[in-house]
Amino acid sequence: MNGIPENSRLALFAGFGQRYDKTNLNDAVKAYVEIAGKYNLTPARMALAYVRSRWFVTSTIIGATSLEQLEENLSSLEVELDREIVAEINAVHAKYPNPTP
């Protein structure tokens, strides 16, 4: 992976990122980031809103290492995804169903 943020789990914990060193990961992440940008969302807000929109999910788990990250995660509660964005997310998932097995 390129561009690992300073103080992220990948930067702080050696070996943590081995799971994420897979061929399709960067392409999948890029596709999701593009969708989020198209709808003026951050990837985290979009991902959490998507998880929350699934009928079979009864709770979401968030992890925040800073107040800023916690605020961003909580702000996802204000996001309601329409059918168009959900279809785009599902299309990426169909193309890269498990990019980090």
PDB file of N, CA and C in Angstrom:
ATOM      1  N   MET A   1       0.847  -1.187   0.000  1.00  0.00           N
ATOM      2  CA  MET A   1       0.000   0.000   0.000  1.00  0.00           C
ATOM      3  C   MET A   1       0.882   1.236   0.000  1.00  0.00           C
ATOM      4  N   ASN A   2       0.442   2.209  -0.716  1.00  0.00           N
ATOM      5  CA  ASN A   2       1.167   3.474  -0.780  1.00  0.00           C
ATOM      6  C   ASN A   2       0.473   4.502   0.094  1.00  0.00           C
ATOM      7  N   GLY A   3       1.244   5.472   0.567  1.00  0.00           N
ATOM      8  CA  GLY A   3       0.656   6.582   1.300  1.00  0.00           C
ATOM      9  C   GLY A   3       0.088   6.198   2.648  1.00  0.00           C
ATOM     10  N   ILE A   4       0.791   5.437   3.419  1.00  0.00           N
ATOM     11  CA  ILE A   4       0.303   5.040   4.743  1.00  0.00           C
ATOM     12  C   ILE A   4       0.354   6.253   5.664  1.00  0.00           C
ATOM     13  N   PRO A   5      -0.778   6.652   6.222  1.00  0.00           N
ATOM     14  CA  PRO A   5      -0.806   7.830   7.085  1.00  0.00           C
ATOM     15  C   PRO A   5       0.031   7.648   8.356  1.00  0.00           C
ATOM     16  N   GLU A   6       0.727   8.699   8.734  1.00  0.00           N
ATOM     17  CA  GLU A   6       1.499   8.698   9.964  1.00  0.00           C
ATOM     18  C   GLU A   6       0.547   8.466  11.141  1.00  0.00           C
ATOM     19  N   ASN A   7       0.964   7.697  12.109  1.00  0.00           N
ATOM     20  CA  ASN A   7       0.198   7.361  13.308  1.00  0.00           C
ATOM     21  C   ASN A   7      -1.014   6.468  13.035  1.00  0.00           C
ATOM     22  N   SER A   8      -1.113   5.903  11.837  1.00  0.00           N
ATOM     23  CA  SER A   8      -2.179   4.938  11.577  1.00  0.00           C
ATOM     24  C   SER A   8      -1.754   3.578  12.119  1.00  0.00           C
ATOM     25  N   ARG A   9      -2.688   2.661  12.218  1.00  0.00           N
ATOM     26  CA  ARG A   9      -2.346   1.316  12.704  1.00  0.00           C
ATOM     27  C   ARG A   9      -1.276   0.663  11.829  1.00  0.00           C
ATOM     28  N   LEU A  10      -1.385   0.895  10.519  1.00  0.00           N
ATOM     29  CA  LEU A  10      -0.401   0.301   9.618  1.00  0.00           C
ATOM     30  C   LEU A  10       0.993   0.861   9.856  1.00  0.00           C
ATOM     31  N   ALA A  11       1.071   2.133  10.230  1.00  0.00           N
ATOM     32  CA  ALA A  11       2.367   2.750  10.494  1.00  0.00           C
ATOM     33  C   ALA A  11       2.880   2.413  11.888  1.00  0.00           C
ATOM     34  N   LEU A  12       1.992   2.256  12.846  1.00  0.00           N
ATOM     35  CA  LEU A  12       2.394   2.070  14.237  1.00  0.00           C
ATOM     36  C   LEU A  12       2.722   0.629  14.617  1.00  0.00           C
ATOM     37  N   PHE A  13       2.088  -0.337  13.963  1.00  0.00           N
ATOM     38  CA  PHE A  13       2.236  -1.724  14.386  1.00  0.00           C
ATOM     39  C   PHE A  13       2.827  -2.577  13.265  1.00  0.00           C
ATOM     40  N   ALA A  14       4.079  -2.934  13.428  1.00  0.00           N
ATOM     41  CA  ALA A  14       4.767  -3.751  12.425  1.00  0.00           C
ATOM     42  C   ALA A  14       4.021  -5.071  12.231  1.00  0.00           C
ATOM     43  N   GLY A  15       3.845  -5.466  11.003  1.00  0.00           N
ATOM     44  CA  GLY A  15       3.174  -6.722  10.703  1.00  0.00           C
ATOM     45  C   GLY A  15       1.660  -6.626  10.640  1.00  0.00           C
ATOM     46  N   PHE A  16       1.084  -5.547  11.155  1.00  0.00           N
ATOM     47  CA  PHE A  16      -0.374  -5.398  11.149  1.00  0.00           C
ATOM     48  C   PHE A  16      -0.923  -5.401   9.729  1.00  0.00           C
ATOM     49  N   GLY A  17      -0.187  -4.783   8.818  1.00  0.00           N
ATOM     50  CA  GLY A  17      -0.675  -4.594   7.463  1.00  0.00           C
ATOM     51  C   GLY A  17      -0.477  -5.752   6.517  1.00  0.00           C
ATOM     52  N   GLN A  18       0.101  -6.852   6.962  1.00  0.00           N
ATOM     53  CA  GLN A  18       0.320  -7.973   6.052  1.00  0.00           C
ATOM     54  C   GLN A  18      -0.978  -8.437   5.405  1.00  0.00           C
ATOM     55  N   ARG A  19      -2.042  -8.384   6.140  1.00  0.00           N
ATOM     56  CA  ARG A  19      -3.352  -8.776   5.619  1.00  0.00           C
ATOM     57  C   ARG A  19      -3.771  -7.884   4.448  1.00  0.00           C
ATOM     58  N   TYR A  20      -3.302  -6.647   4.468  1.00  0.00           N
ATOM     59  CA  TYR A  20      -3.735  -5.670   3.480  1.00  0.00           C
ATOM     60  C   TYR A  20      -2.795  -5.566   2.281  1.00  0.00           C
ATOM     61  N   ASP A  21      -1.765  -6.374   2.242  1.00  0.00           N
ATOM     62  CA  ASP A  21      -0.822  -6.349   1.140  1.00  0.00           C
ATOM     63  C   ASP A  21      -1.275  -7.347   0.080  1.00  0.00           C
ATOM     64  N   LYS A  22      -2.397  -7.056  -0.559  1.00  0.00           N
ATOM     65  CA  LYS A  22      -2.989  -7.944  -1.549  1.00  0.00           C
ATOM     66  C   LYS A  22      -3.153  -7.229  -2.885  1.00  0.00           C
ATOM     67  N   THR A  23      -3.210  -7.991  -3.937  1.00  0.00           N
ATOM     68  CA  THR A  23      -3.248  -7.469  -5.301  1.00  0.00           C
ATOM     69  C   THR A  23      -4.406  -6.522  -5.557  1.00  0.00           C
ATOM     70  N   ASN A  24      -5.610  -6.867  -5.174  1.00  0.00           N
ATOM     71  CA  ASN A  24      -6.790  -6.072  -5.505  1.00  0.00           C
ATOM     72  C   ASN A  24      -7.092  -4.943  -4.534  1.00  0.00           C
ATOM     73  N   LEU A  25      -6.371  -4.866  -3.443  1.00  0.00           N
ATOM     74  CA  LEU A  25      -6.713  -3.885  -2.413  1.00  0.00           C
ATOM     75  C   LEU A  25      -6.690  -2.459  -2.933  1.00  0.00           C
ATOM     76  N   ASN A  26      -5.608  -2.038  -3.552  1.00  0.00           N
ATOM     77  CA  ASN A  26      -5.514  -0.648  -3.991  1.00  0.00           C
ATOM     78  C   ASN A  26      -6.584  -0.293  -5.010  1.00  0.00           C
ATOM     79  N   ASP A  27      -6.895  -1.212  -5.913  1.00  0.00           N
ATOM     80  CA  ASP A  27      -7.946  -0.953  -6.902  1.00  0.00           C
ATOM     81  C   ASP A  27      -9.307  -0.824  -6.240  1.00  0.00           C
ATOM     82  N   ALA A  28      -9.588  -1.691  -5.285  1.00  0.00           N
ATOM     83  CA  ALA A  28     -10.867  -1.624  -4.574  1.00  0.00           C
ATOM     84  C   ALA A  28     -10.983  -0.328  -3.778  1.00  0.00           C
ATOM     85  N   VAL A  29      -9.934   0.006  -3.042  1.00  0.00           N
ATOM     86  CA  VAL A  29      -9.953   1.235  -2.246  1.00  0.00           C
ATOM     87  C   VAL A  29     -10.129   2.448  -3.147  1.00  0.00           C
ATOM     88  N   LYS A  30      -9.401   2.480  -4.248  1.00  0.00           N
ATOM     89  CA  LYS A  30      -9.510   3.603  -5.182  1.00  0.00           C
ATOM     90  C   LYS A  30     -10.947   3.740  -5.686  1.00  0.00           C
ATOM     91  N   ALA A  31     -11.581   2.638  -6.032  1.00  0.00           N
ATOM     92  CA  ALA A  31     -12.954   2.676  -6.537  1.00  0.00           C
ATOM     93  C   ALA A  31     -13.919   3.202  -5.475  1.00  0.00           C
ATOM     94  N   TYR A  32     -13.764   2.748  -4.229  1.00  0.00           N
ATOM     95  CA  TYR A  32     -14.641   3.232  -3.163  1.00  0.00           C
ATOM     96  C   TYR A  32     -14.392   4.709  -2.867  1.00  0.00           C
ATOM     97  N   VAL A  33     -13.139   5.119  -2.874  1.00  0.00           N
ATOM     98  CA  VAL A  33     -12.803   6.528  -2.629  1.00  0.00           C
ATOM     99  C   VAL A  33     -13.392   7.416  -3.727  1.00  0.00           C
ATOM    100  N   GLU A  34     -13.357   6.946  -4.963  1.00  0.00           N
ATOM    101  CA  GLU A  34     -13.944   7.712  -6.066  1.00  0.00           C
ATOM    102  C   GLU A  34     -15.447   7.881  -5.895  1.00  0.00           C
ATOM    103  N   ILE A  35     -16.115   6.830  -5.467  1.00  0.00           N
ATOM    104  CA  ILE A  35     -17.560   6.933  -5.226  1.00  0.00           C
ATOM    105  C   ILE A  35     -17.825   7.939  -4.112  1.00  0.00           C
ATOM    106  N   ALA A  36     -17.098   7.828  -3.020  1.00  0.00           N
ATOM    107  CA  ALA A  36     -17.288   8.760  -1.904  1.00  0.00           C
ATOM    108  C   ALA A  36     -17.086  10.195  -2.371  1.00  0.00           C
ATOM    109  N   GLY A  37     -16.033  10.444  -3.117  1.00  0.00           N
ATOM    110  CA  GLY A  37     -15.767  11.791  -3.610  1.00  0.00           C
ATOM    111  C   GLY A  37     -16.862  12.311  -4.521  1.00  0.00           C
ATOM    112  N   LYS A  38     -17.390  11.444  -5.365  1.00  0.00           N
ATOM    113  CA  LYS A  38     -18.472  11.818  -6.281  1.00  0.00           C
ATOM    114  C   LYS A  38     -19.691  12.343  -5.517  1.00  0.00           C
ATOM    115  N   TYR A  39     -19.916  11.814  -4.321  1.00  0.00           N
ATOM    116  CA  TYR A  39     -21.079  12.199  -3.517  1.00  0.00           C
ATOM    117  C   TYR A  39     -20.702  13.106  -2.342  1.00  0.00           C
ATOM    118  N   ASN A  40     -19.504  13.676  -2.397  1.00  0.00           N
ATOM    119  CA  ASN A  40     -19.033  14.606  -1.359  1.00  0.00           C
ATOM    120  C   ASN A  40     -19.035  13.982   0.038  1.00  0.00           C
ATOM    121  N   LEU A  41     -18.612  12.743   0.106  1.00  0.00           N
ATOM    122  CA  LEU A  41     -18.494  12.037   1.381  1.00  0.00           C
ATOM    123  C   LEU A  41     -17.047  11.636   1.596  1.00  0.00           C
ATOM    124  N   THR A  42     -16.674  11.450   2.835  1.00  0.00           N
ATOM    125  CA  THR A  42     -15.390  10.824   3.101  1.00  0.00           C
ATOM    126  C   THR A  42     -15.608   9.309   2.989  1.00  0.00           C
ATOM    127  N   PRO A  43     -14.556   8.563   2.701  1.00  0.00           N
ATOM    128  CA  PRO A  43     -14.715   7.109   2.636  1.00  0.00           C
ATOM    129  C   PRO A  43     -15.273   6.517   3.933  1.00  0.00           C
ATOM    130  N   ALA A  44     -14.836   7.030   5.071  1.00  0.00           N
ATOM    131  CA  ALA A  44     -15.318   6.502   6.354  1.00  0.00           C
ATOM    132  C   ALA A  44     -16.812   6.762   6.527  1.00  0.00           C
ATOM    133  N   ARG A  45     -17.244   7.976   6.224  1.00  0.00           N
ATOM    134  CA  ARG A  45     -18.678   8.294   6.358  1.00  0.00           C
ATOM    135  C   ARG A  45     -19.512   7.415   5.437  1.00  0.00           C
ATOM    136  N   MET A  46     -19.039   7.230   4.194  1.00  0.00           N
ATOM    137  CA  MET A  46     -19.782   6.407   3.248  1.00  0.00           C
ATOM    138  C   MET A  46     -19.839   4.960   3.722  1.00  0.00           C
ATOM    139  N   ALA A  47     -18.702   4.431   4.160  1.00  0.00           N
ATOM    140  CA  ALA A  47     -18.653   3.034   4.589  1.00  0.00           C
ATOM    141  C   ALA A  47     -19.566   2.780   5.782  1.00  0.00           C
ATOM    142  N   LEU A  48     -19.513   3.658   6.759  1.00  0.00           N
ATOM    143  CA  LEU A  48     -20.353   3.469   7.942  1.00  0.00           C
ATOM    144  C   LEU A  48     -21.833   3.637   7.606  1.00  0.00           C
ATOM    145  N   ALA A  49     -22.154   4.585   6.731  1.00  0.00           N
ATOM    146  CA  ALA A  49     -23.554   4.750   6.313  1.00  0.00           C
ATOM    147  C   ALA A  49     -24.023   3.519   5.550  1.00  0.00           C
ATOM    148  N   TYR A  50     -23.152   2.944   4.732  1.00  0.00           N
ATOM    149  CA  TYR A  50     -23.510   1.737   3.991  1.00  0.00           C
ATOM    150  C   TYR A  50     -23.782   0.580   4.945  1.00  0.00           C
ATOM    151  N   VAL A  51     -22.881   0.364   5.869  1.00  0.00           N
ATOM    152  CA  VAL A  51     -23.072  -0.727   6.831  1.00  0.00           C
ATOM    153  C   VAL A  51     -24.376  -0.534   7.590  1.00  0.00           C
ATOM    154  N   ARG A  52     -24.634   0.692   8.019  1.00  0.00           N
ATOM    155  CA  ARG A  52     -25.850   0.980   8.772  1.00  0.00           C
ATOM    156  C   ARG A  52     -27.111   0.767   7.934  1.00  0.00           C
ATOM    157  N   SER A  53     -26.995   0.882   6.614  1.00  0.00           N
ATOM    158  CA  SER A  53     -28.163   0.732   5.740  1.00  0.00           C
ATOM    159  C   SER A  53     -28.538  -0.727   5.475  1.00  0.00           C
ATOM    160  N   ARG A  54     -27.683  -1.646   5.861  1.00  0.00           N
ATOM    161  CA  ARG A  54     -27.975  -3.062   5.615  1.00  0.00           C
ATOM    162  C   ARG A  54     -28.977  -3.559   6.650  1.00  0.00           C
ATOM    163  N   TRP A  55     -30.048  -4.154   6.217  1.00  0.00           N
ATOM    164  CA  TRP A  55     -31.128  -4.578   7.102  1.00  0.00           C
ATOM    165  C   TRP A  55     -30.657  -5.619   8.128  1.00  0.00           C
ATOM    166  N   PHE A  56     -29.657  -6.394   7.767  1.00  0.00           N
ATOM    167  CA  PHE A  56     -29.201  -7.493   8.621  1.00  0.00           C
ATOM    168  C   PHE A  56     -28.139  -7.075   9.638  1.00  0.00           C
ATOM    169  N   VAL A  57     -27.719  -5.834   9.601  1.00  0.00           N
ATOM    170  CA  VAL A  57     -26.711  -5.349  10.542  1.00  0.00           C
ATOM    171  C   VAL A  57     -27.425  -4.639  11.693  1.00  0.00           C
ATOM    172  N   THR A  58     -27.221  -5.117  12.899  1.00  0.00           N
ATOM    173  CA  THR A  58     -27.901  -4.520  14.051  1.00  0.00           C
ATOM    174  C   THR A  58     -27.059  -3.481  14.770  1.00  0.00           C
ATOM    175  N   SER A  59     -25.764  -3.457  14.488  1.00  0.00           N
ATOM    176  CA  SER A  59     -24.910  -2.422  15.068  1.00  0.00           C
ATOM    177  C   SER A  59     -23.653  -2.292  14.222  1.00  0.00           C
ATOM    178  N   THR A  60     -23.024  -1.152  14.308  1.00  0.00           N
ATOM    179  CA  THR A  60     -21.751  -0.969  13.624  1.00  0.00           C
ATOM    180  C   THR A  60     -20.664  -0.804  14.674  1.00  0.00           C
ATOM    181  N   ILE A  61     -19.483  -1.227  14.327  1.00  0.00           N
ATOM    182  CA  ILE A  61     -18.346  -1.096  15.224  1.00  0.00           C
ATOM    183  C   ILE A  61     -17.432  -0.026  14.643  1.00  0.00           C
ATOM    184  N   ILE A  62     -17.101   0.944  15.439  1.00  0.00           N
ATOM    185  CA  ILE A  62     -16.175   1.969  14.988  1.00  0.00           C
ATOM    186  C   ILE A  62     -14.935   1.936  15.867  1.00  0.00           C
ATOM    187  N   GLY A  63     -13.848   2.371  15.300  1.00  0.00           N
ATOM    188  CA  GLY A  63     -12.606   2.473  16.053  1.00  0.00           C
ATOM    189  C   GLY A  63     -12.005   3.834  15.771  1.00  0.00           C
ATOM    190  N   ALA A  64     -11.779   4.599  16.791  1.00  0.00           N
ATOM    191  CA  ALA A  64     -11.230   5.937  16.596  1.00  0.00           C
ATOM    192  C   ALA A  64     -10.009   6.113  17.490  1.00  0.00           C
ATOM    193  N   THR A  65      -8.967   6.663  16.901  1.00  0.00           N
ATOM    194  CA  THR A  65      -7.761   6.936  17.676  1.00  0.00           C
ATOM    195  C   THR A  65      -7.595   8.423  17.955  1.00  0.00           C
ATOM    196  N   SER A  66      -8.567   9.223  17.498  1.00  0.00           N
ATOM    197  CA  SER A  66      -8.530  10.657  17.772  1.00  0.00           C
ATOM    198  C   SER A  66      -9.964  11.183  17.861  1.00  0.00           C
ATOM    199  N   LEU A  67     -10.120  12.328  18.474  1.00  0.00           N
ATOM    200  CA  LEU A  67     -11.436  12.957  18.569  1.00  0.00           C
ATOM    201  C   LEU A  67     -11.959  13.286  17.172  1.00  0.00           C
ATOM    202  N   GLU A  68     -11.075  13.729  16.290  1.00  0.00           N
ATOM    203  CA  GLU A  68     -11.466  14.055  14.919  1.00  0.00           C
ATOM    204  C   GLU A  68     -12.047  12.828  14.213  1.00  0.00           C
ATOM    205  N   GLN A  69     -11.392  11.696  14.391  1.00  0.00           N
ATOM    206  CA  GLN A  69     -11.869  10.460  13.768  1.00  0.00           C
ATOM    207  C   GLN A  69     -13.211  10.035  14.371  1.00  0.00           C
ATOM    208  N   LEU A  70     -13.362  10.170  15.666  1.00  0.00           N
ATOM    209  CA  LEU A  70     -14.637   9.839  16.308  1.00  0.00           C
ATOM    210  C   LEU A  70     -15.751  10.724  15.774  1.00  0.00           C
ATOM    211  N   GLU A  71     -15.481  12.012  15.650  1.00  0.00           N
ATOM    212  CA  GLU A  71     -16.495  12.942  15.135  1.00  0.00           C
ATOM    213  C   GLU A  71     -16.885  12.591  13.705  1.00  0.00           C
ATOM    214  N   GLU A  72     -15.892  12.235  12.886  1.00  0.00           N
ATOM    215  CA  GLU A  72     -16.199  11.832  11.512  1.00  0.00           C
ATOM    216  C   GLU A  72     -17.060  10.575  11.497  1.00  0.00           C
ATOM    217  N   ASN A  73     -16.699   9.596  12.307  1.00  0.00           N
ATOM    218  CA  ASN A  73     -17.486   8.361  12.367  1.00  0.00           C
ATOM    219  C   ASN A  73     -18.923   8.643  12.804  1.00  0.00           C
ATOM    220  N   LEU A  74     -19.091   9.455  13.822  1.00  0.00           N
ATOM    221  CA  LEU A  74     -20.433   9.769  14.309  1.00  0.00           C
ATOM    222  C   LEU A  74     -21.241  10.578  13.296  1.00  0.00           C
ATOM    223  N   SER A  75     -20.549  11.400  12.509  1.00  0.00           N
ATOM    224  CA  SER A  75     -21.262  12.203  11.510  1.00  0.00           C
ATOM    225  C   SER A  75     -21.872  11.335  10.411  1.00  0.00           C
ATOM    226  N   SER A  76     -21.446  10.089  10.318  1.00  0.00           N
ATOM    227  CA  SER A  76     -22.042   9.186   9.327  1.00  0.00           C
ATOM    228  C   SER A  76     -23.511   8.924   9.629  1.00  0.00           C
ATOM    229  N   LEU A  77     -23.929   9.190  10.850  1.00  0.00           N
ATOM    230  CA  LEU A  77     -25.340   9.028  11.213  1.00  0.00           C
ATOM    231  C   LEU A  77     -26.234  10.008  10.462  1.00  0.00           C
ATOM    232  N   GLU A  78     -25.642  11.067   9.940  1.00  0.00           N
ATOM    233  CA  GLU A  78     -26.390  12.070   9.179  1.00  0.00           C
ATOM    234  C   GLU A  78     -26.516  11.702   7.707  1.00  0.00           C
ATOM    235  N   VAL A  79     -25.881  10.627   7.286  1.00  0.00           N
ATOM    236  CA  VAL A  79     -25.823  10.241   5.876  1.00  0.00           C
ATOM    237  C   VAL A  79     -26.848   9.150   5.590  1.00  0.00           C
ATOM    238  N   GLU A  80     -27.691   9.409   4.596  1.00  0.00           N
ATOM    239  CA  GLU A  80     -28.614   8.394   4.082  1.00  0.00           C
ATOM    240  C   GLU A  80     -28.240   8.159   2.623  1.00  0.00           C
ATOM    241  N   LEU A  81     -27.902   6.960   2.290  1.00  0.00           N
ATOM    242  CA  LEU A  81     -27.477   6.633   0.932  1.00  0.00           C
ATOM    243  C   LEU A  81     -28.676   6.307   0.054  1.00  0.00           C
ATOM    244  N   ASP A  82     -28.717   6.907  -1.143  1.00  0.00           N
ATOM    245  CA  ASP A  82     -29.812   6.591  -2.057  1.00  0.00           C
ATOM    246  C   ASP A  82     -29.458   5.354  -2.888  1.00  0.00           C
ATOM    247  N   ARG A  83     -30.393   4.897  -3.683  1.00  0.00           N
ATOM    248  CA  ARG A  83     -30.205   3.660  -4.464  1.00  0.00           C
ATOM    249  C   ARG A  83     -29.021   3.748  -5.415  1.00  0.00           C
ATOM    250  N   GLU A  84     -28.791   4.935  -5.973  1.00  0.00           N
ATOM    251  CA  GLU A  84     -27.714   5.107  -6.949  1.00  0.00           C
ATOM    252  C   GLU A  84     -26.345   4.839  -6.325  1.00  0.00           C
ATOM    253  N   ILE A  85     -26.086   5.424  -5.171  1.00  0.00           N
ATOM    254  CA  ILE A  85     -24.776   5.223  -4.541  1.00  0.00           C
ATOM    255  C   ILE A  85     -24.628   3.786  -4.036  1.00  0.00           C
ATOM    256  N   VAL A  86     -25.716   3.227  -3.519  1.00  0.00           N
ATOM    257  CA  VAL A  86     -25.665   1.830  -3.070  1.00  0.00           C
ATOM    258  C   VAL A  86     -25.368   0.911  -4.248  1.00  0.00           C
ATOM    259  N   ALA A  87     -25.957   1.179  -5.397  1.00  0.00           N
ATOM    260  CA  ALA A  87     -25.686   0.362  -6.592  1.00  0.00           C
ATOM    261  C   ALA A  87     -24.222   0.471  -6.997  1.00  0.00           C
ATOM    262  N   GLU A  88     -23.641   1.668  -6.912  1.00  0.00           N
ATOM    263  CA  GLU A  88     -22.229   1.832  -7.253  1.00  0.00           C
ATOM    264  C   GLU A  88     -21.327   1.092  -6.263  1.00  0.00           C
ATOM    265  N   ILE A  89     -21.657   1.163  -4.992  1.00  0.00           N
ATOM    266  CA  ILE A  89     -20.889   0.441  -3.973  1.00  0.00           C
ATOM    267  C   ILE A  89     -20.991  -1.061  -4.222  1.00  0.00           C
ATOM    268  N   ASN A  90     -22.196  -1.538  -4.496  1.00  0.00           N
ATOM    269  CA  ASN A  90     -22.395  -2.968  -4.750  1.00  0.00           C
ATOM    270  C   ASN A  90     -21.632  -3.435  -5.995  1.00  0.00           C
ATOM    271  N   ALA A  91     -21.523  -2.576  -6.998  1.00  0.00           N
ATOM    272  CA  ALA A  91     -20.789  -2.933  -8.211  1.00  0.00           C
ATOM    273  C   ALA A  91     -19.300  -3.103  -7.904  1.00  0.00           C
ATOM    274  N   VAL A  92     -18.753  -2.239  -7.077  1.00  0.00           N
ATOM    275  CA  VAL A  92     -17.350  -2.393  -6.681  1.00  0.00           C
ATOM    276  C   VAL A  92     -17.184  -3.678  -5.885  1.00  0.00           C
ATOM    277  N   HIS A  93     -18.108  -3.940  -4.986  1.00  0.00           N
ATOM    278  CA  HIS A  93     -18.033  -5.169  -4.197  1.00  0.00           C
ATOM    279  C   HIS A  93     -18.102  -6.408  -5.097  1.00  0.00           C
ATOM    280  N   ALA A  94     -18.941  -6.364  -6.125  1.00  0.00           N
ATOM    281  CA  ALA A  94     -19.049  -7.502  -7.041  1.00  0.00           C
ATOM    282  C   ALA A  94     -17.735  -7.712  -7.794  1.00  0.00           C
ATOM    283  N   LYS A  95     -17.049  -6.621  -8.121  1.00  0.00           N
ATOM    284  CA  LYS A  95     -15.775  -6.718  -8.842  1.00  0.00           C
ATOM    285  C   LYS A  95     -14.645  -7.181  -7.937  1.00  0.00           C
ATOM    286  N   TYR A  96     -14.655  -6.708  -6.684  1.00  0.00           N
ATOM    287  CA  TYR A  96     -13.614  -7.051  -5.697  1.00  0.00           C
ATOM    288  C   TYR A  96     -14.279  -7.566  -4.426  1.00  0.00           C
ATOM    289  N   PRO A  97     -14.848  -8.778  -4.444  1.00  0.00           N
ATOM    290  CA  PRO A  97     -15.654  -9.249  -3.320  1.00  0.00           C
ATOM    291  C   PRO A  97     -14.888  -9.448  -2.007  1.00  0.00           C
ATOM    292  N   ASN A  98     -13.630  -9.719  -2.078  1.00  0.00           N
ATOM    293  CA  ASN A  98     -12.854  -9.914  -0.863  1.00  0.00           C
ATOM    294  C   ASN A  98     -11.400  -9.525  -1.155  1.00  0.00           C
ATOM    295  N   PRO A  99     -11.129  -8.228  -1.205  1.00  0.00           N
ATOM    296  CA  PRO A  99      -9.801  -7.815  -1.627  1.00  0.00           C
ATOM    297  C   PRO A  99      -8.690  -8.098  -0.625  1.00  0.00           C
ATOM    298  N   THR A 100      -9.038  -8.438   0.612  1.00  0.00           N
ATOM    299  CA  THR A 100      -8.014  -8.752   1.620  1.00  0.00           C
ATOM    300  C   THR A 100      -8.352 -10.026   2.373  1.00  0.00           C
ATOM    301  N   PRO A 101      -8.365 -11.173   1.658  1.00  0.00           N
ATOM    302  CA  PRO A 101      -8.736 -12.429   2.347  1.00  0.00           C
ATOM    303  C   PRO A 101      -7.715 -12.829   3.401  1.00  0.00           C
TER     304      PRO A 101
END
